[in-house]
Amino acid sequence: MLDEHVAGHREIVPDPPPGDIAIRLQCVELRYGPKIVLSDCSMDCQRGEITCVIGLSGAGKSTILRVINGLRHASRGHVFVNGDETTHLSDRKLNEIRRKMGFAFQYSALFDSLTVGENVAYPLWEHTELNPTEIRERVEKTLETLGLEGVDKRMPSELSGGMQKRVGFARAVVNDPEIILFDEPTTGLDPIMTHVITETIQNIQKRLKATCVVVSHDMPSVYRVADNIAMLFEGTIIENGPVQQIKASRNPIVQQFLEGSEDGPIPL
């Protein structure tokens, strides 16, 4: 259903998604100089569900999040967020869309010079007109929801890796966003804290009824949180669907990845 015509160059005609699709990438290509990171990359994310993007390390999974957020601009193709095509929007309009979006970075990306409370409050100062009392109350409520009550005056360096992750989550959701992007949320964590973080993502999604995109190659966590899985390989989404569909895929690349096997078409 992607209409294409040739006029010296193949042009992709945008195909706006239906209302139940919160995010659509359509034939997205992204380059870093001569290197092609994403190529003919297409995927849909169902509204109010968790989509996990899986794939090899360095495959471009985190780049997909940055394309959705507008931190990276596609060289070709189209990106839709809540019905708006963001590919060529101005910074001002992109910022309006980002106000309804939270981003939990892989290494938390907390400001070392700010307290936990100040870190979590940062989006509220930047994107809302709440007064200081309202901001303090919102921060305290968000931290409490994530099991972080009483740490607002501490510095990030005083926290464990798992607690820093949850503070990053708190900053991502303090605005009650409609869309939340999680970049490798369990990387570097022990099994116990991985379980805590996985449960935290599930609780956040249920509380906010948000559309979540989780980049991960931790398959036990993926199976616990995902409604849908998209497999990225060599810059392209090669399969996208509900968890059971992906588990039953006959694609040998998908099966080799899921099984963690040395045998198969994926080069080692």
Protein backbone atom coordinates (compact mmCIF):
# COMPACT_ATOMS: atom_id res chain seq x y z
CA MET A 1 0.00 0.00 0.00
CA LEU A 2 3.00 2.28 -0.31
CA ASP A 3 2.50 4.18 -3.55
CA GLU A 4 5.71 5.00 -5.32
CA HIS A 5 6.36 6.87 -8.54
CA VAL A 6 9.50 7.57 -10.41
CA ALA A 7 10.57 11.02 -11.49
CA GLY A 8 14.31 10.53 -11.63
CA HIS A 9 14.00 9.40 -8.01
CA ARG A 10 11.65 7.05 -6.19
CA GLU A 11 9.45 9.11 -3.92
CA ILE A 12 7.67 7.52 -0.97
CA VAL A 13 4.11 8.76 -0.62
CA PRO A 14 3.21 9.02 3.08
CA ASP A 15 0.64 6.55 4.37
CA PRO A 16 -0.92 8.11 7.51
CA PRO A 17 -1.72 5.52 10.19
CA PRO A 18 -5.16 4.74 11.61
CA GLY A 19 -6.08 6.02 15.06
CA ASP A 20 -5.00 2.88 16.90
CA ILE A 21 -1.39 3.35 15.73
CA ALA A 22 0.48 5.86 17.92
CA ILE A 23 3.81 5.63 16.06
CA ARG A 24 4.54 4.71 12.47
CA LEU A 25 7.90 4.53 10.71
CA GLN A 26 7.44 4.22 6.97
CA CYS A 27 10.41 3.29 4.76
CA VAL A 28 12.79 5.29 6.96
CA GLU A 29 16.41 5.65 5.93
CA LEU A 30 19.01 7.30 8.12
CA ARG A 31 22.67 7.86 7.37
CA TYR A 32 25.65 8.98 9.43
CA GLY A 33 27.83 10.29 6.62
CA PRO A 34 28.32 7.40 4.19
CA LYS A 35 27.15 4.81 6.74
CA ILE A 36 23.53 3.67 6.39
CA VAL A 37 22.12 2.94 9.86
CA LEU A 38 18.46 2.45 8.96
CA SER A 39 17.31 1.35 5.51
CA ASP A 40 13.69 0.91 4.39
CA CYS A 41 12.76 0.64 8.07
CA SER A 42 9.02 0.37 8.72
CA MET A 43 7.11 -0.43 11.90
CA ASP A 44 3.84 0.37 13.68
CA CYS A 45 3.41 0.77 17.44
CA GLN A 46 -0.08 0.12 18.77
CA ARG A 47 -1.54 2.84 20.97
CA GLY A 48 -1.49 1.98 24.67
CA GLU A 49 0.75 -1.07 24.24
CA ILE A 50 4.41 -1.94 24.77
CA THR A 51 6.49 -2.59 21.66
CA CYS A 52 9.98 -4.00 22.20
CA VAL A 53 12.61 -3.47 19.51
CA ILE A 54 15.17 -6.27 19.53
CA GLY A 55 18.30 -6.96 17.50
CA LEU A 56 22.05 -7.33 17.62
CA SER A 57 24.22 -4.84 19.50
CA GLY A 58 25.00 -1.88 17.28
CA ALA A 59 22.14 -2.69 14.90
CA GLY A 60 20.55 0.76 15.22
CA LYS A 61 17.86 0.04 17.82
CA SER A 62 18.57 3.17 19.85
CA THR A 63 18.61 5.21 16.64
CA ILE A 64 14.97 4.24 16.10
CA LEU A 65 14.08 5.91 19.41
CA ARG A 66 15.93 9.06 18.39
CA VAL A 67 14.10 9.12 15.07
CA ILE A 68 10.75 8.80 16.88
CA ASN A 69 11.76 11.59 19.29
CA GLY A 70 13.06 13.82 16.49
CA LEU A 71 16.62 13.91 17.84
CA ARG A 72 17.66 12.37 14.51
CA HIS A 73 16.07 13.24 11.18
CA ALA A 74 15.44 10.57 8.59
CA SER A 75 17.27 10.96 5.29
CA ARG A 76 14.22 9.47 3.57
CA GLY A 77 10.84 8.09 4.58
CA HIS A 78 8.18 9.29 7.00
CA VAL A 79 7.66 9.28 10.76
CA PHE A 80 4.22 9.71 12.33
CA VAL A 81 3.65 10.38 16.02
CA ASN A 82 0.06 10.58 17.23
CA GLY A 83 -1.07 11.22 13.67
CA ASP A 84 1.41 14.05 12.99
CA GLU A 85 4.13 13.56 10.41
CA THR A 86 7.28 14.78 12.16
CA THR A 87 9.82 14.35 9.37
CA HIS A 88 10.00 18.00 8.36
CA LEU A 89 8.54 19.80 11.36
CA SER A 90 10.14 22.91 12.81
CA ASP A 91 11.92 22.69 16.16
CA ARG A 92 9.03 24.53 17.80
CA LYS A 93 6.44 22.02 16.59
CA LEU A 94 8.74 19.10 17.44
CA ASN A 95 9.04 20.43 20.98
CA GLU A 96 5.25 20.49 21.25
CA ILE A 97 5.16 16.80 20.34
CA ARG A 98 8.03 16.00 22.73
CA ARG A 99 6.03 17.48 25.62
CA LYS A 100 3.77 14.44 25.34
CA MET A 101 6.73 12.09 25.15
CA GLY A 102 9.15 10.76 27.79
CA PHE A 103 12.64 9.42 27.09
CA ALA A 104 14.48 7.18 29.56
CA PHE A 105 18.07 7.06 28.35
CA GLN A 106 20.29 3.98 28.53
CA TYR A 107 22.65 5.39 31.16
CA SER A 108 19.98 7.56 32.82
CA ALA A 109 21.73 10.77 31.63
CA LEU A 110 21.11 12.48 34.96
CA PHE A 111 22.66 15.87 35.62
CA ASP A 112 25.46 15.22 38.12
CA SER A 113 25.29 18.74 39.55
CA LEU A 114 21.56 18.53 40.34
CA THR A 115 19.81 16.64 43.12
CA VAL A 116 17.43 13.80 42.32
CA GLY A 117 14.47 16.11 42.87
CA GLU A 118 15.94 18.79 40.61
CA ASN A 119 16.63 16.20 37.91
CA VAL A 120 13.04 14.96 37.98
CA ALA A 121 11.66 18.50 38.07
CA TYR A 122 13.67 19.61 35.04
CA PRO A 123 11.02 18.78 32.38
CA LEU A 124 8.37 20.55 34.43
CA TRP A 125 10.39 23.77 34.57
CA GLU A 126 11.13 23.49 30.84
CA HIS A 127 7.72 22.51 29.46
CA THR A 128 4.99 23.55 31.90
CA GLU A 129 3.75 26.64 33.69
CA LEU A 130 3.34 24.92 37.05
CA ASN A 131 4.37 26.97 40.07
CA PRO A 132 7.16 25.80 42.41
CA THR A 133 4.74 24.23 44.90
CA GLU A 134 2.94 22.29 42.16
CA ILE A 135 6.26 21.11 40.74
CA ARG A 136 7.49 19.94 44.14
CA GLU A 137 4.26 18.02 44.73
CA ARG A 138 4.40 16.42 41.27
CA VAL A 139 8.03 15.37 41.79
CA GLU A 140 7.34 13.90 45.24
CA LYS A 141 4.33 11.96 43.92
CA THR A 142 6.28 10.60 40.94
CA LEU A 143 9.24 9.51 43.09
CA GLU A 144 6.89 7.83 45.56
CA THR A 145 5.14 5.96 42.74
CA LEU A 146 8.50 4.52 41.68
CA GLY A 147 9.54 3.54 45.20
CA LEU A 148 11.97 6.45 45.53
CA GLU A 149 10.40 8.43 48.34
CA GLY A 150 12.88 10.33 50.49
CA VAL A 151 15.72 10.47 47.94
CA ASP A 152 14.88 13.84 46.37
CA LYS A 153 17.71 15.66 48.20
CA ARG A 154 20.38 13.10 47.30
CA MET A 155 22.82 13.41 44.42
CA PRO A 156 22.83 10.88 41.54
CA SER A 157 26.34 9.75 42.51
CA GLU A 158 24.98 8.58 45.88
CA LEU A 159 22.56 6.13 44.25
CA SER A 160 22.99 2.59 42.98
CA GLY A 161 22.73 1.88 39.27
CA GLY A 162 19.21 0.53 39.66
CA MET A 163 18.04 3.58 41.59
CA GLN A 164 19.59 5.87 38.97
CA LYS A 165 17.59 4.00 36.33
CA ARG A 166 14.38 4.59 38.26
CA VAL A 167 15.21 8.29 38.73
CA GLY A 168 15.66 8.46 34.95
CA PHE A 169 12.24 6.83 34.58
CA ALA A 170 10.77 9.35 37.03
CA ARG A 171 12.10 12.24 34.96
CA ALA A 172 10.70 10.60 31.79
CA VAL A 173 7.18 10.19 33.20
CA VAL A 174 6.78 13.22 35.49
CA ASN A 175 4.84 14.97 32.69
CA ASP A 176 2.40 12.02 32.40
CA PRO A 177 3.41 11.49 28.76
CA GLU A 178 1.34 9.65 26.17
CA ILE A 179 4.46 7.99 24.70
CA ILE A 180 7.51 6.71 26.64
CA LEU A 181 10.76 5.56 25.05
CA PHE A 182 13.06 3.26 27.04
CA ASP A 183 16.61 2.75 25.77
CA GLU A 184 18.20 -0.50 27.04
CA PRO A 185 16.62 -0.15 30.51
CA THR A 186 18.20 -3.29 32.02
CA THR A 187 21.75 -2.93 30.67
CA GLY A 188 24.40 -3.48 33.35
CA LEU A 189 21.97 -4.55 36.06
CA ASP A 190 22.03 -7.73 38.14
CA PRO A 191 19.12 -10.22 37.76
CA ILE A 192 17.27 -8.93 40.83
CA MET A 193 17.40 -5.30 39.75
CA THR A 194 16.58 -6.32 36.17
CA HIS A 195 13.36 -7.85 37.50
CA VAL A 196 12.61 -4.68 39.49
CA ILE A 197 13.14 -2.46 36.43
CA THR A 198 11.02 -4.75 34.25
CA GLU A 199 8.16 -4.60 36.74
CA THR A 200 8.58 -0.83 36.98
CA ILE A 201 8.09 -0.45 33.23
CA GLN A 202 4.95 -2.58 33.38
CA ASN A 203 3.56 -0.54 36.28
CA ILE A 204 4.32 2.76 34.54
CA GLN A 205 2.55 1.62 31.38
CA LYS A 206 -0.51 0.41 33.29
CA ARG A 207 -0.74 3.59 35.36
CA LEU A 208 -0.37 6.02 32.46
CA LYS A 209 -1.90 3.77 29.75
CA ALA A 210 0.98 5.03 27.66
CA THR A 211 2.37 3.77 24.37
CA CYS A 212 5.84 2.44 25.20
CA VAL A 213 8.76 1.55 22.96
CA VAL A 214 11.47 -0.46 24.72
CA VAL A 215 14.82 -1.14 23.07
CA SER A 216 16.43 -4.26 24.52
CA HIS A 217 18.25 -7.49 23.75
CA ASP A 218 17.42 -8.97 27.18
CA MET A 219 14.87 -11.51 25.96
CA PRO A 220 13.52 -12.65 29.36
CA SER A 221 12.62 -9.01 30.12
CA VAL A 222 11.23 -8.52 26.62
CA TYR A 223 8.92 -11.52 26.99
CA ARG A 224 7.66 -10.20 30.34
CA VAL A 225 6.82 -6.66 29.21
CA ALA A 226 6.11 -6.79 25.47
CA ASP A 227 2.74 -6.82 23.76
CA ASN A 228 4.53 -6.66 20.41
CA ILE A 229 8.09 -7.24 19.20
CA ALA A 230 9.92 -5.72 16.24
CA MET A 231 13.16 -7.36 15.08
CA LEU A 232 15.78 -5.05 13.57
CA PHE A 233 18.45 -6.58 11.36
CA GLU A 234 20.90 -4.72 9.13
CA GLY A 235 18.91 -1.51 9.44
CA THR A 236 15.52 -3.00 8.55
CA ILE A 237 12.61 -4.27 10.64
CA ILE A 238 12.38 -7.82 9.32
CA GLU A 239 9.43 -8.90 11.49
CA ASN A 240 6.92 -7.00 13.62
CA GLY A 241 3.98 -8.46 15.54
CA PRO A 242 2.59 -9.89 18.78
CA VAL A 243 4.96 -11.85 20.99
CA GLN A 244 3.59 -15.27 20.09
CA GLN A 245 3.82 -14.46 16.38
CA ILE A 246 7.49 -13.56 16.75
CA LYS A 247 8.21 -16.68 18.82
CA ALA A 248 6.63 -18.81 16.08
CA SER A 249 8.39 -16.97 13.24
CA ARG A 250 9.87 -19.12 10.52
CA ASN A 251 12.40 -16.46 9.63
CA PRO A 252 15.78 -18.13 10.33
CA ILE A 253 17.34 -14.82 11.40
CA VAL A 254 14.62 -14.24 14.00
CA GLN A 255 14.86 -17.81 15.28
CA GLN A 256 18.65 -17.73 15.54
CA PHE A 257 18.50 -14.51 17.55
CA LEU A 258 15.75 -15.75 19.89
CA GLU A 259 17.57 -19.03 20.49
CA GLY A 260 20.97 -17.36 20.93
CA SER A 261 22.43 -19.94 18.59
CA GLU A 262 25.77 -19.81 16.74
CA ASP A 263 24.19 -21.71 13.85
CA GLY A 264 22.24 -19.71 11.32
CA PRO A 265 22.40 -16.86 8.80
CA ILE A 266 23.50 -14.16 11.28
CA PRO A 267 27.26 -13.65 10.79
CA LEU A 268 29.34 -13.95 13.98
